[in-house]
Amino acid sequence: MSVRISLKTRFNCLLEMARNRAAERGVSAVEFALIAPLMLLMLFGASEVSQVVSVDRKVTLAASTLGDLAAQADRVSCTDLAQIAAVTRSVFAPYTATTPSLVVASVALQSGTPKVEWSQEIDGTGGCANVAGGHALTVGNTVTVDNGLFAANGGVVVGEVTLQYTSLGTSFSSNTTTLKERFYFRPRKSAKLCLTGVTTPGC
């Protein structure tokens, strides 16, 4: 037994199928419009986070490099610190969006309390200046350091790097993030690191 489908019925079926496909496309477009902003947010967010983590690692490495190089001398001058700072800044390549703040300091026990004997901030031109008041490493400030790190009548070299991080291009976040790291080293060649032009006990 054969069943014949009229031309009109066939046309109606084709028309209904076309309507269904159009409706599906419409639903897909709405779904994409709802999901796309979230996907873009996740994409740029992940990119920004990975950049912050990468730069933060550079800050950690730079602080370690700064303190370690300074601790290999028994006495430093501003010229010496400028050379050490130049090597330290190369750690940040290729990130050069902001000049990091580099501070080298010497901490010694004073009546059993670790205090800053001298501290210098090296700017981008190689100039040195006493760390300004209000900074944790201002001369005379107490620093939290394990007393076991100090040799007899000795000191500890501090290398600190601070970087004001801004977006590398995604502009996902307009806020500036402060990345900071500090390392402590015992001097290699003497009980404490001396700074030319500054008189401290043992220097």
N, C-alpha and C. Protein backbone atom coordinates (compact mmCIF):
# COMPACT_ATOMS: atom_id res chain seq x y z
N MET A 1 0.86 -1.19 0.00
CA MET A 1 0.00 0.00 0.00
C MET A 1 0.89 1.23 0.00
N SER A 2 0.69 2.12 -0.93
CA SER A 2 1.51 3.33 -1.01
C SER A 2 0.74 4.52 -0.49
N VAL A 3 1.52 5.43 0.13
CA VAL A 3 0.91 6.66 0.67
C VAL A 3 1.45 7.83 -0.12
N ARG A 4 0.56 8.55 -0.69
CA ARG A 4 0.97 9.72 -1.44
C ARG A 4 0.83 10.97 -0.59
N ILE A 5 1.92 11.80 -0.64
CA ILE A 5 1.91 13.06 0.12
C ILE A 5 1.69 14.18 -0.88
N SER A 6 0.70 14.97 -0.58
CA SER A 6 0.37 16.05 -1.50
C SER A 6 1.50 17.09 -1.53
N LEU A 7 1.52 17.84 -2.58
CA LEU A 7 2.52 18.89 -2.75
C LEU A 7 2.39 19.93 -1.64
N LYS A 8 1.17 20.21 -1.25
CA LYS A 8 0.94 21.20 -0.20
C LYS A 8 1.51 20.73 1.12
N THR A 9 1.33 19.44 1.39
CA THR A 9 1.85 18.88 2.65
C THR A 9 3.38 18.94 2.67
N ARG A 10 3.95 18.59 1.53
CA ARG A 10 5.41 18.66 1.46
C ARG A 10 5.92 20.08 1.68
N PHE A 11 5.24 21.04 1.09
CA PHE A 11 5.62 22.43 1.24
C PHE A 11 5.54 22.88 2.70
N ASN A 12 4.44 22.45 3.36
CA ASN A 12 4.26 22.80 4.77
C ASN A 12 5.36 22.19 5.64
N CYS A 13 5.76 20.97 5.31
CA CYS A 13 6.83 20.31 6.08
C CYS A 13 8.15 21.05 5.92
N LEU A 14 8.45 21.41 4.67
CA LEU A 14 9.68 22.14 4.41
C LEU A 14 9.68 23.50 5.10
N LEU A 15 8.51 24.14 5.07
CA LEU A 15 8.38 25.45 5.70
C LEU A 15 8.59 25.34 7.21
N GLU A 16 8.04 24.29 7.81
CA GLU A 16 8.19 24.08 9.25
C GLU A 16 9.65 23.80 9.62
N MET A 17 10.32 23.02 8.79
CA MET A 17 11.73 22.72 9.04
C MET A 17 12.58 23.99 8.96
N ALA A 18 12.29 24.85 7.99
CA ALA A 18 13.02 26.11 7.85
C ALA A 18 12.80 27.00 9.07
N ARG A 19 11.54 27.01 9.56
CA ARG A 19 11.24 27.80 10.75
C ARG A 19 12.00 27.28 11.98
N ASN A 20 12.06 25.97 12.09
CA ASN A 20 12.78 25.36 13.23
C ASN A 20 14.27 25.70 13.19
N ARG A 21 14.85 25.62 11.97
CA ARG A 21 16.27 25.96 11.85
C ARG A 21 16.51 27.43 12.20
N ALA A 22 15.63 28.30 11.75
CA ALA A 22 15.77 29.73 12.05
C ALA A 22 15.66 29.97 13.55
N ALA A 23 14.72 29.25 14.20
CA ALA A 23 14.56 29.39 15.65
C ALA A 23 15.80 28.92 16.39
N GLU A 24 16.40 27.80 15.90
CA GLU A 24 17.61 27.29 16.54
C GLU A 24 18.76 28.28 16.41
N ARG A 25 18.87 28.89 15.21
CA ARG A 25 19.91 29.89 15.02
C ARG A 25 19.70 31.09 15.94
N GLY A 26 18.46 31.46 16.12
CA GLY A 26 18.14 32.58 17.01
C GLY A 26 18.52 32.27 18.45
N VAL A 27 18.21 31.03 18.88
CA VAL A 27 18.56 30.62 20.24
C VAL A 27 20.07 30.61 20.41
N SER A 28 20.80 30.11 19.40
CA SER A 28 22.26 30.07 19.46
C SER A 28 22.84 31.48 19.56
N ALA A 29 22.25 32.41 18.82
CA ALA A 29 22.74 33.79 18.86
C ALA A 29 22.54 34.41 20.23
N VAL A 30 21.38 34.14 20.83
CA VAL A 30 21.11 34.66 22.18
C VAL A 30 22.06 34.04 23.19
N GLU A 31 22.28 32.73 23.09
CA GLU A 31 23.19 32.06 24.01
C GLU A 31 24.61 32.62 23.89
N PHE A 32 25.05 32.85 22.64
CA PHE A 32 26.39 33.40 22.43
C PHE A 32 26.49 34.81 23.02
N ALA A 33 25.43 35.60 22.83
CA ALA A 33 25.44 36.97 23.37
C ALA A 33 25.53 36.97 24.89
N LEU A 34 24.96 35.96 25.52
CA LEU A 34 24.99 35.87 26.98
C LEU A 34 26.34 35.34 27.48
N ILE A 35 26.94 34.42 26.75
CA ILE A 35 28.16 33.76 27.20
C ILE A 35 29.43 34.53 26.80
N ALA A 36 29.41 35.20 25.66
CA ALA A 36 30.60 35.87 25.13
C ALA A 36 31.25 36.84 26.14
N PRO A 37 30.48 37.73 26.80
CA PRO A 37 31.13 38.64 27.76
C PRO A 37 31.85 37.90 28.89
N LEU A 38 31.24 36.82 29.38
CA LEU A 38 31.88 36.04 30.44
C LEU A 38 33.17 35.39 29.94
N MET A 39 33.14 34.86 28.72
CA MET A 39 34.33 34.23 28.16
C MET A 39 35.46 35.25 27.96
N LEU A 40 35.11 36.45 27.47
CA LEU A 40 36.11 37.50 27.30
C LEU A 40 36.69 37.93 28.64
N LEU A 41 35.81 38.02 29.64
CA LEU A 41 36.25 38.37 30.99
C LEU A 41 37.25 37.36 31.52
N MET A 42 36.96 36.10 31.33
CA MET A 42 37.85 35.04 31.78
C MET A 42 39.17 35.06 31.01
N LEU A 43 39.11 35.32 29.70
CA LEU A 43 40.31 35.36 28.88
C LEU A 43 41.25 36.47 29.32
N PHE A 44 40.73 37.70 29.42
CA PHE A 44 41.57 38.82 29.81
C PHE A 44 42.01 38.72 31.27
N GLY A 45 41.12 38.17 32.11
CA GLY A 45 41.48 37.99 33.51
C GLY A 45 42.64 37.02 33.68
N ALA A 46 42.58 35.90 32.97
CA ALA A 46 43.66 34.92 33.05
C ALA A 46 44.96 35.50 32.51
N SER A 47 44.87 36.30 31.44
CA SER A 47 46.07 36.93 30.87
C SER A 47 46.69 37.90 31.85
N GLU A 48 45.85 38.69 32.51
CA GLU A 48 46.35 39.68 33.47
C GLU A 48 46.99 39.00 34.67
N VAL A 49 46.36 37.96 35.16
CA VAL A 49 46.91 37.24 36.33
C VAL A 49 48.26 36.62 36.00
N SER A 50 48.37 36.03 34.81
CA SER A 50 49.64 35.41 34.43
C SER A 50 50.75 36.46 34.31
N GLN A 51 50.40 37.66 33.83
CA GLN A 51 51.38 38.73 33.73
C GLN A 51 51.83 39.20 35.11
N VAL A 52 50.89 39.35 36.03
CA VAL A 52 51.24 39.77 37.39
C VAL A 52 52.16 38.75 38.05
N VAL A 53 51.84 37.48 37.90
CA VAL A 53 52.67 36.42 38.49
C VAL A 53 54.07 36.45 37.90
N SER A 54 54.18 36.65 36.58
CA SER A 54 55.48 36.70 35.92
C SER A 54 56.32 37.87 36.43
N VAL A 55 55.71 39.05 36.53
CA VAL A 55 56.44 40.22 36.99
C VAL A 55 56.79 40.09 38.48
N ASP A 56 55.90 39.50 39.25
CA ASP A 56 56.17 39.30 40.68
C ASP A 56 57.40 38.40 40.87
N ARG A 57 57.54 37.39 40.03
CA ARG A 57 58.73 36.53 40.10
C ARG A 57 59.99 37.31 39.77
N LYS A 58 59.88 38.25 38.83
CA LYS A 58 61.03 39.09 38.49
C LYS A 58 61.41 39.98 39.66
N VAL A 59 60.40 40.48 40.38
CA VAL A 59 60.68 41.30 41.57
C VAL A 59 61.42 40.48 42.62
N THR A 60 60.99 39.24 42.83
CA THR A 60 61.65 38.36 43.79
C THR A 60 63.09 38.10 43.38
N LEU A 61 63.31 37.78 42.11
CA LEU A 61 64.66 37.52 41.62
C LEU A 61 65.53 38.77 41.71
N ALA A 62 64.95 39.93 41.41
CA ALA A 62 65.71 41.18 41.44
C ALA A 62 66.15 41.50 42.87
N ALA A 63 65.26 41.33 43.84
CA ALA A 63 65.62 41.61 45.24
C ALA A 63 66.73 40.69 45.71
N SER A 64 66.65 39.43 45.31
CA SER A 64 67.69 38.47 45.67
C SER A 64 69.02 38.85 45.03
N THR A 65 68.98 39.25 43.75
CA THR A 65 70.19 39.65 43.04
C THR A 65 70.81 40.89 43.66
N LEU A 66 69.98 41.87 43.98
CA LEU A 66 70.45 43.13 44.56
C LEU A 66 71.18 42.89 45.88
N GLY A 67 70.54 42.16 46.79
CA GLY A 67 71.16 41.90 48.09
C GLY A 67 72.38 41.01 48.00
N ASP A 68 72.32 40.01 47.13
CA ASP A 68 73.43 39.07 47.00
C ASP A 68 74.68 39.74 46.45
N LEU A 69 74.52 40.57 45.42
CA LEU A 69 75.68 41.26 44.84
C LEU A 69 76.29 42.24 45.84
N ALA A 70 75.45 42.94 46.59
CA ALA A 70 75.98 43.89 47.58
C ALA A 70 76.72 43.15 48.70
N ALA A 71 76.24 41.98 49.07
CA ALA A 71 76.84 41.22 50.18
C ALA A 71 78.19 40.63 49.80
N GLN A 72 78.54 40.65 48.52
CA GLN A 72 79.83 40.10 48.10
C GLN A 72 80.98 41.09 48.26
N ALA A 73 80.68 42.31 48.71
CA ALA A 73 81.71 43.32 48.94
C ALA A 73 81.85 43.59 50.44
N ASP A 74 82.97 44.20 50.82
CA ASP A 74 83.12 44.60 52.22
C ASP A 74 82.83 46.08 52.41
N ARG A 75 82.92 46.84 51.31
CA ARG A 75 82.61 48.26 51.32
C ARG A 75 82.06 48.65 49.95
N VAL A 76 81.05 49.50 49.94
CA VAL A 76 80.48 49.97 48.68
C VAL A 76 80.38 51.48 48.68
N SER A 77 80.45 52.04 47.49
CA SER A 77 80.22 53.47 47.28
C SER A 77 78.96 53.61 46.44
N CYS A 78 78.56 54.84 46.18
CA CYS A 78 77.38 55.07 45.34
C CYS A 78 77.63 54.52 43.93
N THR A 79 78.85 54.64 43.46
CA THR A 79 79.18 54.11 42.13
C THR A 79 79.02 52.59 42.09
N ASP A 80 79.47 51.94 43.17
CA ASP A 80 79.32 50.48 43.24
C ASP A 80 77.84 50.09 43.25
N LEU A 81 77.07 50.80 44.04
CA LEU A 81 75.64 50.50 44.13
C LEU A 81 74.94 50.74 42.80
N ALA A 82 75.37 51.75 42.06
CA ALA A 82 74.78 52.03 40.75
C ALA A 82 75.05 50.88 39.79
N GLN A 83 76.25 50.31 39.84
CA GLN A 83 76.58 49.17 38.98
C GLN A 83 75.76 47.94 39.37
N ILE A 84 75.62 47.73 40.67
CA ILE A 84 74.80 46.61 41.14
C ILE A 84 73.35 46.80 40.71
N ALA A 85 72.86 48.04 40.80
CA ALA A 85 71.48 48.34 40.41
C ALA A 85 71.26 48.10 38.92
N ALA A 86 72.28 48.43 38.10
CA ALA A 86 72.15 48.24 36.65
C ALA A 86 71.99 46.75 36.32
N VAL A 87 72.75 45.90 37.01
CA VAL A 87 72.62 44.46 36.80
C VAL A 87 71.24 43.99 37.27
N THR A 88 70.80 44.51 38.40
CA THR A 88 69.51 44.12 38.95
C THR A 88 68.36 44.49 38.02
N ARG A 89 68.43 45.67 37.42
CA ARG A 89 67.35 46.11 36.53
C ARG A 89 67.26 45.25 35.28
N SER A 90 68.38 44.66 34.88
CA SER A 90 68.34 43.81 33.68
C SER A 90 67.49 42.57 33.91
N VAL A 91 67.25 42.22 35.17
CA VAL A 91 66.40 41.07 35.49
C VAL A 91 64.98 41.28 34.99
N PHE A 92 64.55 42.54 34.92
CA PHE A 92 63.16 42.84 34.56
C PHE A 92 62.89 42.76 33.06
N ALA A 93 63.94 42.67 32.25
CA ALA A 93 63.72 42.61 30.80
C ALA A 93 62.82 41.42 30.45
N PRO A 94 61.88 41.59 29.52
CA PRO A 94 61.62 42.79 28.71
C PRO A 94 60.62 43.75 29.34
N TYR A 95 60.26 43.55 30.61
CA TYR A 95 59.28 44.42 31.25
C TYR A 95 59.97 45.72 31.68
N THR A 96 59.61 46.82 31.04
CA THR A 96 60.24 48.11 31.36
C THR A 96 59.19 49.21 31.54
N ALA A 97 57.97 48.81 31.87
CA ALA A 97 56.88 49.77 31.96
C ALA A 97 57.09 50.78 33.09
N THR A 98 57.66 50.33 34.20
CA THR A 98 57.85 51.20 35.35
C THR A 98 59.23 50.94 35.95
N THR A 99 59.91 52.02 36.36
CA THR A 99 61.21 51.86 36.99
C THR A 99 61.04 51.38 38.42
N PRO A 100 61.66 50.27 38.79
CA PRO A 100 61.52 49.76 40.15
C PRO A 100 62.32 50.59 41.16
N SER A 101 61.89 50.58 42.39
CA SER A 101 62.64 51.23 43.48
C SER A 101 63.60 50.20 44.06
N LEU A 102 64.90 50.53 44.08
CA LEU A 102 65.92 49.61 44.58
C LEU A 102 66.57 50.21 45.83
N VAL A 103 66.58 49.44 46.89
CA VAL A 103 67.15 49.90 48.16
C VAL A 103 68.12 48.86 48.69
N VAL A 104 69.31 49.34 49.07
CA VAL A 104 70.30 48.49 49.74
C VAL A 104 70.53 49.09 51.13
N ALA A 105 70.55 48.24 52.14
CA ALA A 105 70.71 48.72 53.50
C ALA A 105 71.58 47.75 54.31
N SER A 106 72.10 48.28 55.40
CA SER A 106 72.85 47.45 56.35
C SER A 106 72.16 47.52 57.69
N VAL A 107 71.90 46.35 58.25
CA VAL A 107 71.22 46.25 59.54
C VAL A 107 72.19 45.62 60.54
N ALA A 108 72.28 46.19 61.74
CA ALA A 108 73.17 45.66 62.77
C ALA A 108 72.44 45.67 64.11
N LEU A 109 72.92 44.84 65.01
CA LEU A 109 72.32 44.78 66.35
C LEU A 109 72.77 45.98 67.17
N GLN A 110 71.81 46.66 67.73
CA GLN A 110 72.08 47.77 68.63
C GLN A 110 71.36 47.49 69.94
N SER A 111 72.16 47.15 70.95
CA SER A 111 71.60 46.72 72.25
C SER A 111 70.67 45.52 72.07
N GLY A 112 71.08 44.63 71.16
CA GLY A 112 70.32 43.41 70.93
C GLY A 112 69.14 43.56 69.99
N THR A 113 68.93 44.77 69.45
CA THR A 113 67.81 45.02 68.54
C THR A 113 68.32 45.31 67.14
N PRO A 114 67.83 44.61 66.11
CA PRO A 114 68.27 44.87 64.74
C PRO A 114 67.74 46.23 64.25
N LYS A 115 68.68 47.12 63.92
CA LYS A 115 68.30 48.44 63.42
C LYS A 115 69.10 48.79 62.17
N VAL A 116 68.51 49.64 61.34
CA VAL A 116 69.15 50.06 60.10
C VAL A 116 70.28 51.05 60.41
N GLU A 117 71.51 50.69 59.99
CA GLU A 117 72.66 51.59 60.19
C GLU A 117 72.77 52.58 59.03
N TRP A 118 72.60 52.11 57.83
CA TRP A 118 72.58 52.98 56.65
C TRP A 118 71.71 52.34 55.58
N SER A 119 71.16 53.17 54.74
CA SER A 119 70.33 52.67 53.64
C SER A 119 70.38 53.66 52.49
N GLN A 120 70.43 53.11 51.28
CA GLN A 120 70.52 53.95 50.09
C GLN A 120 69.51 53.48 49.05
N GLU A 121 68.84 54.43 48.43
CA GLU A 121 67.95 54.13 47.30
C GLU A 121 68.65 54.57 46.02
N ILE A 122 68.73 53.67 45.05
CA ILE A 122 69.43 53.96 43.80
C ILE A 122 68.39 54.26 42.73
N ASP A 123 68.48 55.45 42.13
CA ASP A 123 67.47 55.81 41.12
C ASP A 123 67.88 55.31 39.74
N GLY A 124 67.05 55.60 38.75
CA GLY A 124 67.26 55.09 37.41
C GLY A 124 68.48 55.66 36.71
N THR A 125 69.02 56.79 37.20
CA THR A 125 70.19 57.40 36.57
C THR A 125 71.48 56.99 37.26
N GLY A 126 71.38 56.15 38.30
CA GLY A 126 72.57 55.71 39.02
C GLY A 126 72.89 56.56 40.23
N GLY A 127 72.04 57.53 40.53
CA GLY A 127 72.26 58.36 41.72
C GLY A 127 71.80 57.66 42.98
N CYS A 128 72.41 58.01 44.10
CA CYS A 128 72.06 57.42 45.40
C CYS A 128 71.53 58.49 46.33
N ALA A 129 70.65 58.10 47.22
CA ALA A 129 70.10 59.03 48.20
C ALA A 129 69.70 58.25 49.44
N ASN A 130 69.78 58.91 50.59
CA ASN A 130 69.32 58.28 51.83
C ASN A 130 67.83 57.95 51.70
N VAL A 131 67.45 56.79 52.18
CA VAL A 131 66.04 56.40 52.12
C VAL A 131 65.22 57.39 52.93
N ALA A 132 64.16 57.87 52.33
CA ALA A 132 63.33 58.91 52.96
C ALA A 132 62.63 58.39 54.20
N GLY A 133 62.31 59.32 55.08
CA GLY A 133 61.57 58.97 56.28
C GLY A 133 60.22 58.38 55.94
N GLY A 134 59.74 57.47 56.77
CA GLY A 134 58.48 56.79 56.51
C GLY A 134 58.68 55.45 55.86
N HIS A 135 59.84 55.23 55.27
CA HIS A 135 60.17 53.93 54.67
C HIS A 135 60.62 52.98 55.78
N ALA A 136 60.33 51.70 55.61
CA ALA A 136 60.69 50.71 56.62
C ALA A 136 62.19 50.61 56.85
N LEU A 137 62.98 50.99 55.81
CA LEU A 137 64.44 50.88 55.92
C LEU A 137 65.12 52.23 56.14
N THR A 138 64.39 53.19 56.70
CA THR A 138 65.00 54.46 57.08
C THR A 138 66.00 54.22 58.21
N VAL A 139 67.11 54.95 58.20
CA VAL A 139 68.14 54.79 59.22
C VAL A 139 67.54 54.93 60.63
N GLY A 140 67.89 53.97 61.49
CA GLY A 140 67.40 53.99 62.87
C GLY A 140 66.17 53.15 63.10
N ASN A 141 65.51 52.74 62.03
CA ASN A 141 64.30 51.92 62.18
C ASN A 141 64.66 50.50 62.61
N THR A 142 63.77 49.92 63.39
CA THR A 142 63.93 48.52 63.79
C THR A 142 63.41 47.62 62.68
N VAL A 143 64.18 46.56 62.40
CA VAL A 143 63.83 45.61 61.35
C VAL A 143 63.69 44.24 61.98
N THR A 144 62.67 43.51 61.58
CA THR A 144 62.46 42.16 62.11
C THR A 144 63.38 41.19 61.40
N VAL A 145 64.46 40.79 62.09
CA VAL A 145 65.43 39.84 61.56
C VAL A 145 65.80 38.87 62.67
N ASP A 146 65.95 37.61 62.34
CA ASP A 146 66.39 36.62 63.32
C ASP A 146 67.80 36.96 63.78
N ASN A 147 67.97 37.14 65.09
CA ASN A 147 69.28 37.51 65.63
C ASN A 147 70.36 36.48 65.31
N GLY A 148 69.97 35.26 65.04
CA GLY A 148 70.94 34.23 64.70
C GLY A 148 71.61 34.46 63.36
N LEU A 149 71.08 35.38 62.58
CA LEU A 149 71.67 35.68 61.28
C LEU A 149 72.90 36.57 61.39
N PHE A 150 73.07 37.20 62.55
CA PHE A 150 74.17 38.14 62.73
C PHE A 150 75.42 37.44 63.26
N ALA A 151 76.56 37.76 62.63
CA ALA A 151 77.84 37.31 63.16
C ALA A 151 78.22 38.25 64.32
N ALA A 152 79.24 37.87 65.09
CA ALA A 152 79.68 38.71 66.21
C ALA A 152 80.09 40.09 65.69
N ASN A 153 79.47 41.13 66.25
CA ASN A 153 79.73 42.52 65.84
C ASN A 153 79.51 42.73 64.34
N GLY A 154 78.66 41.92 63.78
CA GLY A 154 78.42 42.00 62.35
C GLY A 154 77.07 42.59 61.99
N GLY A 155 76.81 42.59 60.71
CA GLY A 155 75.56 43.12 60.22
C GLY A 155 74.96 42.23 59.16
N VAL A 156 73.83 42.65 58.66
CA VAL A 156 73.11 41.92 57.60
C VAL A 156 72.83 42.91 56.47
N VAL A 157 73.05 42.44 55.24
CA VAL A 157 72.77 43.25 54.06
C VAL A 157 71.33 43.01 53.62
N VAL A 158 70.64 44.08 53.33
CA VAL A 158 69.24 43.99 52.90
C VAL A 158 69.12 44.49 51.46
N GLY A 159 68.46 43.72 50.64
CA GLY A 159 68.14 44.16 49.28
C GLY A 159 66.63 44.18 49.13
N GLU A 160 66.08 45.32 48.78
CA GLU A 160 64.63 45.45 48.66
C GLU A 160 64.27 46.06 47.31
N VAL A 161 63.30 45.46 46.66
CA VAL A 161 62.81 45.96 45.36
C VAL A 161 61.31 46.18 45.45
N THR A 162 60.87 47.34 45.01
CA THR A 162 59.45 47.66 44.97
C THR A 162 59.09 48.10 43.56
N LEU A 163 58.01 47.57 43.04
CA LEU A 163 57.58 47.90 41.68
C LEU A 163 56.09 48.21 41.66
N GLN A 164 55.74 49.33 41.05
CA GLN A 164 54.33 49.67 40.86
C GLN A 164 53.89 49.04 39.54
N TYR A 165 53.18 47.94 39.63
CA TYR A 165 52.79 47.20 38.43
C TYR A 165 51.55 47.81 37.79
N THR A 166 51.62 47.96 36.47
CA THR A 166 50.44 48.36 35.69
C THR A 166 50.29 47.36 34.55
N SER A 167 49.12 47.32 33.95
CA SER A 167 48.83 46.35 32.90
C SER A 167 49.84 46.44 31.77
N LEU A 168 50.20 45.27 31.22
CA LEU A 168 51.14 45.22 30.10
C LEU A 168 50.46 45.40 28.76
N GLY A 169 49.15 45.61 28.77
CA GLY A 169 48.48 45.81 27.48
C GLY A 169 47.02 45.40 27.45
N THR A 170 46.61 44.54 28.36
CA THR A 170 45.22 44.12 28.32
C THR A 170 44.28 45.19 28.87
N SER A 171 44.81 46.04 29.75
CA SER A 171 44.00 47.08 30.39
C SER A 171 42.78 46.48 31.08
N PHE A 172 42.93 45.23 31.50
CA PHE A 172 41.81 44.58 32.18
C PHE A 172 41.53 45.25 33.51
N SER A 173 42.59 45.67 34.19
CA SER A 173 42.44 46.35 35.47
C SER A 173 43.19 47.67 35.42
N SER A 174 42.53 48.74 35.81
CA SER A 174 43.17 50.06 35.78
C SER A 174 43.92 50.34 37.07
N ASN A 175 43.74 49.50 38.08
CA ASN A 175 44.39 49.73 39.36
C ASN A 175 45.87 49.38 39.30
N THR A 176 46.68 50.10 40.07
CA THR A 176 48.11 49.82 40.16
C THR A 176 48.35 48.90 41.35
N THR A 177 49.13 47.88 41.14
CA THR A 177 49.44 46.91 42.19
C THR A 177 50.89 47.09 42.62
N THR A 178 51.13 47.16 43.92
CA THR A 178 52.49 47.28 44.45
C THR A 178 53.06 45.89 44.71
N LEU A 179 54.17 45.59 44.03
CA LEU A 179 54.88 44.33 44.22
C LEU A 179 56.18 44.63 44.95
N LYS A 180 56.42 43.96 46.06
CA LYS A 180 57.60 44.24 46.87
C LYS A 180 58.21 42.95 47.39
N GLU A 181 59.54 42.91 47.42
CA GLU A 181 60.25 41.75 47.97
C GLU A 181 61.52 42.24 48.66
N ARG A 182 61.89 41.56 49.74
CA ARG A 182 63.07 41.93 50.51
C ARG A 182 63.84 40.67 50.88
N PHE A 183 65.18 40.74 50.71
CA PHE A 183 66.04 39.61 51.06
C PHE A 183 67.14 40.07 52.02
N TYR A 184 67.56 39.14 52.89
CA TYR A 184 68.61 39.41 53.87
C TYR A 184 69.80 38.48 53.61
N PHE A 185 71.01 39.04 53.63
CA PHE A 185 72.22 38.25 53.40
C PHE A 185 73.29 38.62 54.42
N ARG A 186 74.07 37.62 54.82
CA ARG A 186 75.25 37.91 55.62
C ARG A 186 76.38 38.30 54.66
N PRO A 187 77.15 39.34 55.00
CA PRO A 187 78.27 39.75 54.13
C PRO A 187 79.27 38.61 53.96
N ARG A 188 79.84 38.50 52.76
CA ARG A 188 80.78 37.42 52.46
C ARG A 188 82.19 37.71 52.96
N LYS A 189 82.65 38.97 52.81
CA LYS A 189 84.06 39.28 53.02
C LYS A 189 84.36 39.98 54.35
N SER A 190 83.35 40.37 55.07
CA SER A 190 83.58 41.09 56.33
C SER A 190 82.39 40.87 57.25
N ALA A 191 82.53 41.34 58.47
CA ALA A 191 81.44 41.16 59.44
C ALA A 191 80.21 41.97 59.05
N LYS A 192 80.46 43.13 58.42
CA LYS A 192 79.33 43.95 57.97
C LYS A 192 79.72 44.71 56.72
N LEU A 193 78.74 45.15 55.97
CA LEU A 193 78.98 45.91 54.75
C LEU A 193 79.03 47.38 55.10
N CYS A 194 80.14 48.03 54.73
CA CYS A 194 80.31 49.45 55.03
C CYS A 194 79.98 50.29 53.80
N LEU A 195 79.54 51.51 54.04
CA LEU A 195 79.22 52.45 52.98
C LEU A 195 80.20 53.61 53.04
N THR A 196 80.86 53.88 51.93
CA THR A 196 81.81 54.98 51.86
C THR A 196 81.13 56.29 52.23
N GLY A 197 81.76 57.01 53.18
CA GLY A 197 81.21 58.30 53.60
C GLY A 197 80.32 58.22 54.81
N VAL A 198 80.03 57.01 55.27
CA VAL A 198 79.18 56.83 56.45
C VAL A 198 79.97 56.07 57.51
N THR A 199 80.07 56.66 58.69
CA THR A 199 80.81 56.03 59.78
C THR A 199 79.86 55.27 60.69
N THR A 200 80.11 53.98 60.81
CA THR A 200 79.33 53.14 61.71
C THR A 200 80.30 52.25 62.48
N PRO A 201 79.91 51.71 63.63
CA PRO A 201 80.82 50.86 64.40
C PRO A 201 81.35 49.71 63.55
N GLY A 202 82.68 49.57 63.52
CA GLY A 202 83.30 48.50 62.74
C GLY A 202 83.62 48.89 61.32
N CYS A 203 83.29 50.12 60.91
CA CYS A 203 83.60 50.57 59.54
C CYS A 203 84.56 51.76 59.57
